[in-house]
Amino acid sequence: MAENAQDTPPDRLSLDPRSEHYDEALLSRGVGIKFNGQEKTNVIEYCISEGWIRVAAGRSRDRYGQPMTIKLKGQVEPYFENPPQGEGVASDG
Protein backbone atom coordinates (compact mmCIF):
# COMPACT_ATOMS: atom_id res chain seq x y z
CA MET A 1 0.00 0.00 0.00
CA ALA A 2 2.97 2.31 0.46
CA GLU A 3 3.54 2.19 -3.30
CA ASN A 4 2.72 5.89 -3.85
CA ALA A 5 6.28 6.33 -5.11
CA GLN A 6 5.08 4.33 -8.15
CA ASP A 7 2.84 7.26 -9.14
CA THR A 8 5.82 9.41 -10.10
CA PRO A 9 8.12 8.36 -12.95
CA PRO A 10 11.80 7.78 -12.14
CA ASP A 11 14.46 10.44 -12.66
CA ARG A 12 15.85 8.59 -15.66
CA LEU A 13 14.26 6.01 -17.97
CA SER A 14 15.25 4.43 -21.29
CA LEU A 15 13.44 2.44 -23.98
CA ASP A 16 16.64 0.55 -24.86
CA PRO A 17 16.70 -2.90 -23.18
CA ARG A 18 20.51 -2.78 -23.13
CA SER A 19 20.49 0.29 -20.85
CA GLU A 20 20.76 0.08 -17.07
CA HIS A 21 17.88 2.61 -16.92
CA TYR A 22 15.45 0.28 -18.74
CA ASP A 23 12.43 -0.86 -16.68
CA GLU A 24 9.84 -2.94 -18.55
CA ALA A 25 7.27 -2.75 -15.73
CA LEU A 26 7.23 1.05 -15.81
CA LEU A 27 7.22 1.20 -19.61
CA SER A 28 4.21 -1.15 -19.75
CA ARG A 29 2.18 1.55 -17.97
CA GLY A 30 2.94 3.98 -20.77
CA VAL A 31 5.17 6.97 -20.08
CA GLY A 32 4.40 10.29 -21.72
CA ILE A 33 6.87 13.18 -21.96
CA LYS A 34 6.29 16.90 -22.06
CA PHE A 35 9.45 18.67 -23.21
CA ASN A 36 9.49 22.48 -22.89
CA GLY A 37 5.69 22.38 -22.68
CA GLN A 38 5.19 20.30 -25.85
CA GLU A 39 4.11 16.65 -26.04
CA LYS A 40 6.89 14.43 -27.46
CA THR A 41 6.20 10.94 -28.79
CA ASN A 42 9.66 10.00 -30.14
CA VAL A 43 11.67 10.09 -26.88
CA ILE A 44 14.10 7.19 -26.46
CA GLU A 45 15.56 8.22 -23.08
CA TYR A 46 15.11 11.08 -20.60
CA CYS A 47 16.69 12.49 -17.44
CA ILE A 48 14.77 14.96 -15.26
CA SER A 49 17.63 16.05 -12.97
CA GLU A 50 20.00 16.82 -15.86
CA GLY A 51 17.20 18.27 -18.02
CA TRP A 52 17.56 16.37 -21.31
CA ILE A 53 15.83 13.94 -23.63
CA ARG A 54 17.29 11.73 -26.33
CA VAL A 55 15.33 11.44 -29.61
CA ALA A 56 15.93 9.55 -32.85
CA ALA A 57 17.72 11.57 -35.55
CA GLY A 58 15.51 10.80 -38.52
CA ARG A 59 15.91 7.37 -40.04
CA SER A 60 19.72 7.15 -39.78
CA ARG A 61 21.29 4.16 -38.04
CA ASP A 62 24.69 3.49 -36.48
CA ARG A 63 26.93 0.60 -37.54
CA TYR A 64 25.12 -1.75 -35.14
CA GLY A 65 21.69 -0.98 -36.60
CA GLN A 66 20.54 1.15 -33.66
CA PRO A 67 18.92 4.55 -34.35
CA MET A 68 21.20 7.58 -34.20
CA THR A 69 20.06 9.92 -31.42
CA ILE A 70 20.23 13.61 -30.55
CA LYS A 71 20.30 14.95 -26.99
CA LEU A 72 18.04 17.98 -26.45
CA LYS A 73 18.25 20.08 -23.29
CA GLY A 74 15.25 21.70 -21.64
CA GLN A 75 12.45 21.15 -19.12
CA VAL A 76 11.40 17.48 -18.90
CA GLU A 77 8.02 16.49 -17.42
CA PRO A 78 7.30 12.73 -17.56
CA TYR A 79 3.94 11.24 -16.57
CA PHE A 80 2.25 7.85 -16.55
CA GLU A 81 -0.53 7.29 -19.09
CA ASN A 82 -2.09 4.33 -17.22
CA PRO A 83 -2.57 3.47 -13.50
CA PRO A 84 -0.42 0.71 -11.98
CA GLN A 85 -1.50 -2.87 -12.74
CA GLY A 86 -3.42 -4.58 -9.93
CA GLU A 87 -3.80 -1.48 -7.76
CA GLY A 88 -7.01 0.39 -7.11
CA VAL A 89 -9.09 -2.50 -8.44
CA ALA A 90 -11.30 -4.06 -5.79
CA SER A 91 -12.89 -7.39 -6.61
CA ASP A 92 -15.87 -8.46 -4.54
CA GLY A 93 -16.58 -12.14 -4.75
PDB file of N, CA and C in Angstrom:
ATOM      1  N   MET A   1       0.806  -1.191   0.000  1.00  0.00           N
ATOM      2  CA  MET A   1       0.000   0.000   0.000  1.00  0.00           C
ATOM      3  C   MET A   1       0.852   1.259   0.000  1.00  0.00           C
ATOM      4  N   ALA A   2       2.080   1.153   0.437  1.00  0.00           N
ATOM      5  CA  ALA A   2       2.966   2.306   0.455  1.00  0.00           C
ATOM      6  C   ALA A   2       3.673   2.454  -0.887  1.00  0.00           C
ATOM      7  N   GLU A   3       2.977   2.138  -1.954  1.00  0.00           N
ATOM      8  CA  GLU A   3       3.539   2.192  -3.297  1.00  0.00           C
ATOM      9  C   GLU A   3       3.249   3.531  -3.990  1.00  0.00           C
ATOM     10  N   ASN A   4       3.002   4.603  -3.250  1.00  0.00           N
ATOM     11  CA  ASN A   4       2.720   5.892  -3.852  1.00  0.00           C
ATOM     12  C   ASN A   4       3.907   6.430  -4.630  1.00  0.00           C
ATOM     13  N   ALA A   5       5.110   5.935  -4.348  1.00  0.00           N
ATOM     14  CA  ALA A   5       6.282   6.329  -5.113  1.00  0.00           C
ATOM     15  C   ALA A   5       6.157   5.852  -6.557  1.00  0.00           C
ATOM     16  N   GLN A   6       5.307   4.841  -6.800  1.00  0.00           N
ATOM     17  CA  GLN A   6       5.082   4.327  -8.150  1.00  0.00           C
ATOM     18  C   GLN A   6       4.293   5.309  -9.006  1.00  0.00           C
ATOM     19  N   ASP A   7       3.646   6.307  -8.392  1.00  0.00           N
ATOM     20  CA  ASP A   7       2.841   7.258  -9.141  1.00  0.00           C
ATOM     21  C   ASP A   7       3.673   8.333  -9.819  1.00  0.00           C
ATOM     22  N   THR A   8       4.942   8.454  -9.454  1.00  0.00           N
ATOM     23  CA  THR A   8       5.820   9.413 -10.102  1.00  0.00           C
ATOM     24  C   THR A   8       6.878   8.647 -10.896  1.00  0.00           C
ATOM     25  N   PRO A   9       7.107   9.035 -12.139  1.00  0.00           N
ATOM     26  CA  PRO A   9       8.119   8.358 -12.951  1.00  0.00           C
ATOM     27  C   PRO A   9       9.522   8.557 -12.363  1.00  0.00           C
ATOM     28  N   PRO A  10      10.438   7.655 -12.668  1.00  0.00           N
ATOM     29  CA  PRO A  10      11.799   7.781 -12.141  1.00  0.00           C
ATOM     30  C   PRO A  10      12.534   8.962 -12.770  1.00  0.00           C
ATOM     31  N   ASP A  11      13.655   9.329 -12.165  1.00  0.00           N
ATOM     32  CA  ASP A  11      14.459  10.443 -12.659  1.00  0.00           C
ATOM     33  C   ASP A  11      14.983  10.183 -14.065  1.00  0.00           C
ATOM     34  N   ARG A  12      15.301   8.931 -14.353  1.00  0.00           N
ATOM     35  CA  ARG A  12      15.855   8.589 -15.663  1.00  0.00           C
ATOM     36  C   ARG A  12      15.255   7.266 -16.133  1.00  0.00           C
ATOM     37  N   LEU A  13      14.875   7.206 -17.419  1.00  0.00           N
ATOM     38  CA  LEU A  13      14.260   6.006 -17.974  1.00  0.00           C
ATOM     39  C   LEU A  13      14.638   5.897 -19.442  1.00  0.00           C
ATOM     40  N   SER A  14      14.845   4.673 -19.909  1.00  0.00           N
ATOM     41  CA  SER A  14      15.246   4.428 -21.286  1.00  0.00           C
ATOM     42  C   SER A  14      14.380   3.346 -21.918  1.00  0.00           C
ATOM     43  N   LEU A  15      14.165   3.459 -23.232  1.00  0.00           N
ATOM     44  CA  LEU A  15      13.443   2.435 -23.982  1.00  0.00           C
ATOM     45  C   LEU A  15      14.357   1.308 -24.455  1.00  0.00           C
ATOM     46  N   ASP A  16      15.657   1.519 -24.372  1.00  0.00           N
ATOM     47  CA  ASP A  16      16.641   0.550 -24.862  1.00  0.00           C
ATOM     48  C   ASP A  16      16.866  -0.551 -23.824  1.00  0.00           C
ATOM     49  N   PRO A  17      16.533  -1.808 -24.155  1.00  0.00           N
ATOM     50  CA  PRO A  17      16.701  -2.903 -23.184  1.00  0.00           C
ATOM     51  C   PRO A  17      18.150  -3.121 -22.758  1.00  0.00           C
ATOM     52  N   ARG A  18      19.109  -2.613 -23.505  1.00  0.00           N
ATOM     53  CA  ARG A  18      20.515  -2.779 -23.132  1.00  0.00           C
ATOM     54  C   ARG A  18      20.960  -1.770 -22.084  1.00  0.00           C
ATOM     55  N   SER A  19      20.143  -0.767 -21.810  1.00  0.00           N
ATOM     56  CA  SER A  19      20.493   0.295 -20.854  1.00  0.00           C
ATOM     57  C   SER A  19      20.215  -0.149 -19.426  1.00  0.00           C
ATOM     58  N   GLU A  20      20.997   0.370 -18.489  1.00  0.00           N
ATOM     59  CA  GLU A  20      20.757   0.083 -17.072  1.00  0.00           C
ATOM     60  C   GLU A  20      19.540   0.837 -16.553  1.00  0.00           C
ATOM     61  N   HIS A  21      19.041   1.807 -17.319  1.00  0.00           N
ATOM     62  CA  HIS A  21      17.881   2.607 -16.923  1.00  0.00           C
ATOM     63  C   HIS A  21      16.580   2.088 -17.554  1.00  0.00           C
ATOM     64  N   TYR A  22      16.612   0.910 -18.133  1.00  0.00           N
ATOM     65  CA  TYR A  22      15.448   0.277 -18.743  1.00  0.00           C
ATOM     66  C   TYR A  22      14.636  -0.412 -17.654  1.00  0.00           C
ATOM     67  N   ASP A  23      13.313  -0.207 -17.642  1.00  0.00           N
ATOM     68  CA  ASP A  23      12.426  -0.862 -16.682  1.00  0.00           C
ATOM     69  C   ASP A  23      11.127  -1.218 -17.402  1.00  0.00           C
ATOM     70  N   GLU A  24      10.990  -2.489 -17.761  1.00  0.00           N
ATOM     71  CA  GLU A  24       9.837  -2.943 -18.545  1.00  0.00           C
ATOM     72  C   GLU A  24       8.512  -2.738 -17.815  1.00  0.00           C
ATOM     73  N   ALA A  25       8.506  -2.915 -16.490  1.00  0.00           N
ATOM     74  CA  ALA A  25       7.265  -2.751 -15.726  1.00  0.00           C
ATOM     75  C   ALA A  25       6.751  -1.312 -15.807  1.00  0.00           C
ATOM     76  N   LEU A  26       7.644  -0.353 -15.711  1.00  0.00           N
ATOM     77  CA  LEU A  26       7.226   1.049 -15.814  1.00  0.00           C
ATOM     78  C   LEU A  26       6.816   1.404 -17.238  1.00  0.00           C
ATOM     79  N   LEU A  27       7.533   0.889 -18.214  1.00  0.00           N
ATOM     80  CA  LEU A  27       7.217   1.196 -19.609  1.00  0.00           C
ATOM     81  C   LEU A  27       5.888   0.590 -20.032  1.00  0.00           C
ATOM     82  N   SER A  28       5.488  -0.527 -19.402  1.00  0.00           N
ATOM     83  CA  SER A  28       4.212  -1.149 -19.750  1.00  0.00           C
ATOM     84  C   SER A  28       3.031  -0.274 -19.340  1.00  0.00           C
ATOM     85  N   ARG A  29       3.239   0.615 -18.384  1.00  0.00           N
ATOM     86  CA  ARG A  29       2.183   1.549 -17.972  1.00  0.00           C
ATOM     87  C   ARG A  29       2.015   2.680 -18.982  1.00  0.00           C
ATOM     88  N   GLY A  30       2.984   2.883 -19.823  1.00  0.00           N
ATOM     89  CA  GLY A  30       2.942   3.984 -20.774  1.00  0.00           C
ATOM     90  C   GLY A  30       3.471   5.245 -20.120  1.00  0.00           C
ATOM     91  N   VAL A  31       4.570   5.764 -20.625  1.00  0.00           N
ATOM     92  CA  VAL A  31       5.168   6.975 -20.082  1.00  0.00           C
ATOM     93  C   VAL A  31       5.101   8.051 -21.148  1.00  0.00           C
ATOM     94  N   GLY A  32       4.467   9.150 -20.810  1.00  0.00           N
ATOM     95  CA  GLY A  32       4.402  10.293 -21.716  1.00  0.00           C
ATOM     96  C   GLY A  32       5.413  11.341 -21.294  1.00  0.00           C
ATOM     97  N   ILE A  33       5.871  12.154 -22.238  1.00  0.00           N
ATOM     98  CA  ILE A  33       6.875  13.177 -21.963  1.00  0.00           C
ATOM     99  C   ILE A  33       6.395  14.520 -22.485  1.00  0.00           C
ATOM    100  N   LYS A  34       6.461  15.517 -21.625  1.00  0.00           N
ATOM    101  CA  LYS A  34       6.288  16.902 -22.062  1.00  0.00           C
ATOM    102  C   LYS A  34       7.668  17.529 -21.995  1.00  0.00           C
ATOM    103  N   PHE A  35       8.132  18.062 -23.127  1.00  0.00           N
ATOM    104  CA  PHE A  35       9.454  18.670 -23.205  1.00  0.00           C
ATOM    105  C   PHE A  35       9.278  20.125 -23.592  1.00  0.00           C
ATOM    106  N   ASN A  36       9.676  21.032 -22.705  1.00  0.00           N
ATOM    107  CA  ASN A  36       9.490  22.477 -22.893  1.00  0.00           C
ATOM    108  C   ASN A  36       8.032  22.808 -23.203  1.00  0.00           C
ATOM    109  N   GLY A  37       7.109  22.101 -22.535  1.00  0.00           N
ATOM    110  CA  GLY A  37       5.686  22.376 -22.679  1.00  0.00           C
ATOM    111  C   GLY A  37       5.013  21.707 -23.865  1.00  0.00           C
ATOM    112  N   GLN A  38       5.767  20.981 -24.685  1.00  0.00           N
ATOM    113  CA  GLN A  38       5.189  20.300 -25.849  1.00  0.00           C
ATOM    114  C   GLN A  38       5.243  18.789 -25.648  1.00  0.00           C
ATOM    115  N   GLU A  39       4.194  18.113 -26.112  1.00  0.00           N
ATOM    116  CA  GLU A  39       4.114  16.652 -26.042  1.00  0.00           C
ATOM    117  C   GLU A  39       5.096  16.047 -27.044  1.00  0.00           C
ATOM    118  N   LYS A  40       5.941  15.120 -26.573  1.00  0.00           N
ATOM    119  CA  LYS A  40       6.889  14.431 -27.457  1.00  0.00           C
ATOM    120  C   LYS A  40       6.552  12.942 -27.469  1.00  0.00           C
ATOM    121  N   THR A  41       6.525  12.360 -28.662  1.00  0.00           N
ATOM    122  CA  THR A  41       6.202  10.937 -28.786  1.00  0.00           C
ATOM    123  C   THR A  41       7.388  10.103 -29.256  1.00  0.00           C
ATOM    124  N   ASN A  42       8.509  10.727 -29.591  1.00  0.00           N
ATOM    125  CA  ASN A  42       9.656  10.004 -30.138  1.00  0.00           C
ATOM    126  C   ASN A  42      10.847   9.973 -29.187  1.00  0.00           C
ATOM    127  N   VAL A  43      10.597  10.068 -27.872  1.00  0.00           N
ATOM    128  CA  VAL A  43      11.670  10.087 -26.880  1.00  0.00           C
ATOM    129  C   VAL A  43      12.169   8.667 -26.633  1.00  0.00           C
ATOM    130  N   ILE A  44      13.480   8.490 -26.706  1.00  0.00           N
ATOM    131  CA  ILE A  44      14.101   7.187 -26.460  1.00  0.00           C
ATOM    132  C   ILE A  44      14.578   7.080 -25.014  1.00  0.00           C
ATOM    133  N   GLU A  45      15.056   8.190 -24.456  1.00  0.00           N
ATOM    134  CA  GLU A  45      15.556   8.218 -23.075  1.00  0.00           C
ATOM    135  C   GLU A  45      15.375   9.635 -22.535  1.00  0.00           C
ATOM    136  N   TYR A  46      15.201   9.754 -21.209  1.00  0.00           N
ATOM    137  CA  TYR A  46      15.105  11.077 -20.599  1.00  0.00           C
ATOM    138  C   TYR A  46      15.792  11.089 -19.247  1.00  0.00           C
ATOM    139  N   CYS A  47      16.144  12.290 -18.773  1.00  0.00           N
ATOM    140  CA  CYS A  47      16.691  12.489 -17.436  1.00  0.00           C
ATOM    141  C   CYS A  47      16.142  13.815 -16.916  1.00  0.00           C
ATOM    142  N   ILE A  48      15.389  13.758 -15.829  1.00  0.00           N
ATOM    143  CA  ILE A  48      14.774  14.955 -15.261  1.00  0.00           C
ATOM    144  C   ILE A  48      15.818  15.844 -14.597  1.00  0.00           C
ATOM    145  N   SER A  49      16.681  15.259 -13.749  1.00  0.00           N
ATOM    146  CA  SER A  49      17.629  16.054 -12.967  1.00  0.00           C
ATOM    147  C   SER A  49      18.645  16.784 -13.846  1.00  0.00           C
ATOM    148  N   GLU A  50      19.044  16.176 -14.961  1.00  0.00           N
ATOM    149  CA  GLU A  50      19.996  16.820 -15.858  1.00  0.00           C
ATOM    150  C   GLU A  50      19.301  17.638 -16.937  1.00  0.00           C
ATOM    151  N   GLY A  51      17.984  17.466 -17.094  1.00  0.00           N
ATOM    152  CA  GLY A  51      17.199  18.268 -18.018  1.00  0.00           C
ATOM    153  C   GLY A  51      17.459  17.984 -19.485  1.00  0.00           C
ATOM    154  N   TRP A  52      17.372  16.705 -19.895  1.00  0.00           N
ATOM    155  CA  TRP A  52      17.560  16.368 -21.308  1.00  0.00           C
ATOM    156  C   TRP A  52      16.702  15.186 -21.711  1.00  0.00           C
ATOM    157  N   ILE A  53      16.462  15.112 -23.026  1.00  0.00           N
ATOM    158  CA  ILE A  53      15.834  13.936 -23.626  1.00  0.00           C
ATOM    159  C   ILE A  53      16.696  13.508 -24.793  1.00  0.00           C
ATOM    160  N   ARG A  54      16.571  12.263 -25.177  1.00  0.00           N
ATOM    161  CA  ARG A  54      17.289  11.729 -26.333  1.00  0.00           C
ATOM    162  C   ARG A  54      16.232  11.250 -27.322  1.00  0.00           C
ATOM    163  N   VAL A  55      16.295  11.781 -28.562  1.00  0.00           N
ATOM    164  CA  VAL A  55      15.331  11.435 -29.606  1.00  0.00           C
ATOM    165  C   VAL A  55      16.070  10.898 -30.826  1.00  0.00           C
ATOM    166  N   ALA A  56      15.348  10.116 -31.626  1.00  0.00           N
ATOM    167  CA  ALA A  56      15.930   9.554 -32.848  1.00  0.00           C
ATOM    168  C   ALA A  56      16.197  10.673 -33.849  1.00  0.00           C
ATOM    169  N   ALA A  57      17.329  10.569 -34.545  1.00  0.00           N
ATOM    170  CA  ALA A  57      17.722  11.566 -35.549  1.00  0.00           C
ATOM    171  C   ALA A  57      17.289  11.068 -36.923  1.00  0.00           C
ATOM    172  N   GLY A  58      16.023  11.243 -37.224  1.00  0.00           N
ATOM    173  CA  GLY A  58      15.507  10.799 -38.519  1.00  0.00           C
ATOM    174  C   GLY A  58      15.521   9.292 -38.631  1.00  0.00           C
ATOM    175  N   ARG A  59      15.899   8.811 -39.811  1.00  0.00           N
ATOM    176  CA  ARG A  59      15.909   7.366 -40.043  1.00  0.00           C
ATOM    177  C   ARG A  59      17.321   6.794 -40.042  1.00  0.00           C
ATOM    178  N   SER A  60      18.332   7.603 -39.724  1.00  0.00           N
ATOM    179  CA  SER A  60      19.723   7.150 -39.779  1.00  0.00           C
ATOM    180  C   SER A  60      20.024   6.152 -38.667  1.00  0.00           C
ATOM    181  N   ARG A  61      20.910   5.225 -38.960  1.00  0.00           N
ATOM    182  CA  ARG A  61      21.294   4.155 -38.036  1.00  0.00           C
ATOM    183  C   ARG A  61      22.808   4.142 -37.848  1.00  0.00           C
ATOM    184  N   ASP A  62      23.253   3.642 -36.692  1.00  0.00           N
ATOM    185  CA  ASP A  62      24.689   3.488 -36.480  1.00  0.00           C
ATOM    186  C   ASP A  62      25.148   2.151 -37.074  1.00  0.00           C
ATOM    187  N   ARG A  63      26.401   1.821 -36.906  1.00  0.00           N
ATOM    188  CA  ARG A  63      26.926   0.604 -37.536  1.00  0.00           C
ATOM    189  C   ARG A  63      26.391  -0.684 -36.920  1.00  0.00           C
ATOM    190  N   TYR A  64      25.718  -0.577 -35.774  1.00  0.00           N
ATOM    191  CA  TYR A  64      25.119  -1.746 -35.136  1.00  0.00           C
ATOM    192  C   TYR A  64      23.626  -1.860 -35.422  1.00  0.00           C
ATOM    193  N   GLY A  65      23.088  -0.942 -36.233  1.00  0.00           N
ATOM    194  CA  GLY A  65      21.687  -0.984 -36.596  1.00  0.00           C
ATOM    195  C   GLY A  65      20.764  -0.261 -35.632  1.00  0.00           C
ATOM    196  N   GLN A  66      21.333   0.398 -34.628  1.00  0.00           N
ATOM    197  CA  GLN A  66      20.537   1.153 -33.661  1.00  0.00           C
ATOM    198  C   GLN A  66      20.304   2.566 -34.191  1.00  0.00           C
ATOM    199  N   PRO A  67      19.171   3.185 -33.855  1.00  0.00           N
ATOM    200  CA  PRO A  67      18.919   4.546 -34.348  1.00  0.00           C
ATOM    201  C   PRO A  67      19.922   5.546 -33.791  1.00  0.00           C
ATOM    202  N   MET A  68      20.347   6.474 -34.638  1.00  0.00           N
ATOM    203  CA  MET A  68      21.199   7.576 -34.198  1.00  0.00           C
ATOM    204  C   MET A  68      20.314   8.507 -33.375  1.00  0.00           C
ATOM    205  N   THR A  69      20.865   9.080 -32.306  1.00  0.00           N
ATOM    206  CA  THR A  69      20.059   9.917 -31.425  1.00  0.00           C
ATOM    207  C   THR A  69      20.680  11.298 -31.248  1.00  0.00           C
ATOM    208  N   ILE A  70      19.823  12.244 -30.849  1.00  0.00           N
ATOM    209  CA  ILE A  70      20.229  13.608 -30.547  1.00  0.00           C
ATOM    210  C   ILE A  70      19.778  13.906 -29.128  1.00  0.00           C
ATOM    211  N   LYS A  71      20.654  14.552 -28.344  1.00  0.00           N
ATOM    212  CA  LYS A  71      20.297  14.949 -26.985  1.00  0.00           C
ATOM    213  C   LYS A  71      19.831  16.403 -27.015  1.00  0.00           C
ATOM    214  N   LEU A  72      18.610  16.630 -26.520  1.00  0.00           N
ATOM    215  CA  LEU A  72      18.036  17.978 -26.450  1.00  0.00           C
ATOM    216  C   LEU A  72      17.915  18.378 -24.994  1.00  0.00           C
ATOM    217  N   LYS A  73      18.318  19.599 -24.669  1.00  0.00           N
ATOM    218  CA  LYS A  73      18.251  20.078 -23.289  1.00  0.00           C
ATOM    219  C   LYS A  73      17.063  21.002 -23.108  1.00  0.00           C
ATOM    220  N   GLY A  74      16.406  20.870 -21.951  1.00  0.00           N
ATOM    221  CA  GLY A  74      15.247  21.697 -21.643  1.00  0.00           C
ATOM    222  C   GLY A  74      14.509  21.138 -20.442  1.00  0.00           C
ATOM    223  N   GLN A  75      13.271  21.590 -20.251  1.00  0.00           N
ATOM    224  CA  GLN A  75      12.448  21.148 -19.124  1.00  0.00           C
ATOM    225  C   GLN A  75      11.736  19.846 -19.480  1.00  0.00           C
ATOM    226  N   VAL A  76      11.961  18.809 -18.668  1.00  0.00           N
ATOM    227  CA  VAL A  76      11.403  17.478 -18.899  1.00  0.00           C
ATOM    228  C   VAL A  76      10.335  17.187 -17.856  1.00  0.00           C
ATOM    229  N   GLU A  77       9.129  16.820 -18.315  1.00  0.00           N
ATOM    230  CA  GLU A  77       8.020  16.487 -17.418  1.00  0.00           C
ATOM    231  C   GLU A  77       7.422  15.140 -17.833  1.00  0.00           C
ATOM    232  N   PRO A  78       7.891  14.030 -17.237  1.00  0.00           N
ATOM    233  CA  PRO A  78       7.298  12.725 -17.556  1.00  0.00           C
ATOM    234  C   PRO A  78       6.029  12.476 -16.742  1.00  0.00           C
ATOM    235  N   TYR A  79       5.161  11.634 -17.277  1.00  0.00           N
ATOM    236  CA  TYR A  79       3.942  11.243 -16.574  1.00  0.00           C
ATOM    237  C   TYR A  79       3.532   9.861 -17.046  1.00  0.00           C
ATOM    238  N   PHE A  80       2.761   9.166 -16.186  1.00  0.00           N
ATOM    239  CA  PHE A  80       2.249   7.849 -16.550  1.00  0.00           C
ATOM    240  C   PHE A  80       0.921   8.007 -17.263  1.00  0.00           C
ATOM    241  N   GLU A  81       0.726   7.243 -18.336  1.00  0.00           N
ATOM    242  CA  GLU A  81      -0.527   7.288 -19.089  1.00  0.00           C
ATOM    243  C   GLU A  81      -1.580   6.366 -18.485  1.00  0.00           C
ATOM    244  N   ASN A  82      -1.165   5.311 -17.789  1.00  0.00           N
ATOM    245  CA  ASN A  82      -2.090   4.329 -17.222  1.00  0.00           C
ATOM    246  C   ASN A  82      -1.798   4.131 -15.736  1.00  0.00           C
ATOM    247  N   PRO A  83      -2.809   3.759 -14.916  1.00  0.00           N
ATOM    248  CA  PRO A  83      -2.574   3.467 -13.496  1.00  0.00           C
ATOM    249  C   PRO A  83      -1.780   2.169 -13.351  1.00  0.00           C
ATOM    250  N   PRO A  84      -1.168   1.957 -12.189  1.00  0.00           N
ATOM    251  CA  PRO A  84      -0.421   0.715 -11.977  1.00  0.00           C
ATOM    252  C   PRO A  84      -1.312  -0.516 -12.098  1.00  0.00           C
ATOM    253  N   GLN A  85      -0.762  -1.612 -12.586  1.00  0.00           N
ATOM    254  CA  GLN A  85      -1.502  -2.866 -12.738  1.00  0.00           C
ATOM    255  C   GLN A  85      -1.802  -3.456 -11.363  1.00  0.00           C
ATOM    256  N   GLY A  86      -3.056  -3.880 -11.160  1.00  0.00           N
ATOM    257  CA  GLY A  86      -3.422  -4.584  -9.933  1.00  0.00           C
ATOM    258  C   GLY A  86      -3.697  -3.681  -8.742  1.00  0.00           C
ATOM    259  N   GLU A  87      -3.527  -2.378  -8.868  1.00  0.00           N
ATOM    260  CA  GLU A  87      -3.797  -1.476  -7.757  1.00  0.00           C
ATOM    261  C   GLU A  87      -5.060  -0.691  -8.024  1.00  0.00           C
ATOM    262  N   GLY A  88      -5.796  -0.401  -6.983  1.00  0.00           N
ATOM    263  CA  GLY A  88      -7.007   0.387  -7.107  1.00  0.00           C
ATOM    264  C   GLY A  88      -8.185  -0.376  -7.666  1.00  0.00           C
ATOM    265  N   VAL A  89      -8.012  -1.679  -7.920  1.00  0.00           N
ATOM    266  CA  VAL A  89      -9.089  -2.502  -8.445  1.00  0.00           C
ATOM    267  C   VAL A  89      -9.550  -3.425  -7.331  1.00  0.00           C
ATOM    268  N   ALA A  90     -10.751  -3.209  -6.853  1.00  0.00           N
ATOM    269  CA  ALA A  90     -11.299  -4.063  -5.795  1.00  0.00           C
ATOM    270  C   ALA A  90     -12.232  -5.090  -6.419  1.00  0.00           C
ATOM    271  N   SER A  91     -12.009  -6.339  -6.078  1.00  0.00           N
ATOM    272  CA  SER A  91     -12.886  -7.390  -6.610  1.00  0.00           C
ATOM    273  C   SER A  91     -13.678  -7.997  -5.461  1.00  0.00           C
ATOM    274  N   ASP A  92     -14.976  -7.899  -5.568  1.00  0.00           N
ATOM    275  CA  ASP A  92     -15.873  -8.459  -4.543  1.00  0.00           C
ATOM    276  C   ASP A  92     -16.372  -9.816  -5.054  1.00  0.00           C
ATOM    277  N   GLY A  93     -16.196 -10.838  -4.224  1.00  0.00           N
ATOM    278  CA  GLY A  93     -16.581 -12.138  -4.747  1.00  0.00           C
ATOM    279  C   GLY A  93     -17.425 -12.919  -3.915  1.00  0.00           C
TER     280      GLY A  93
END
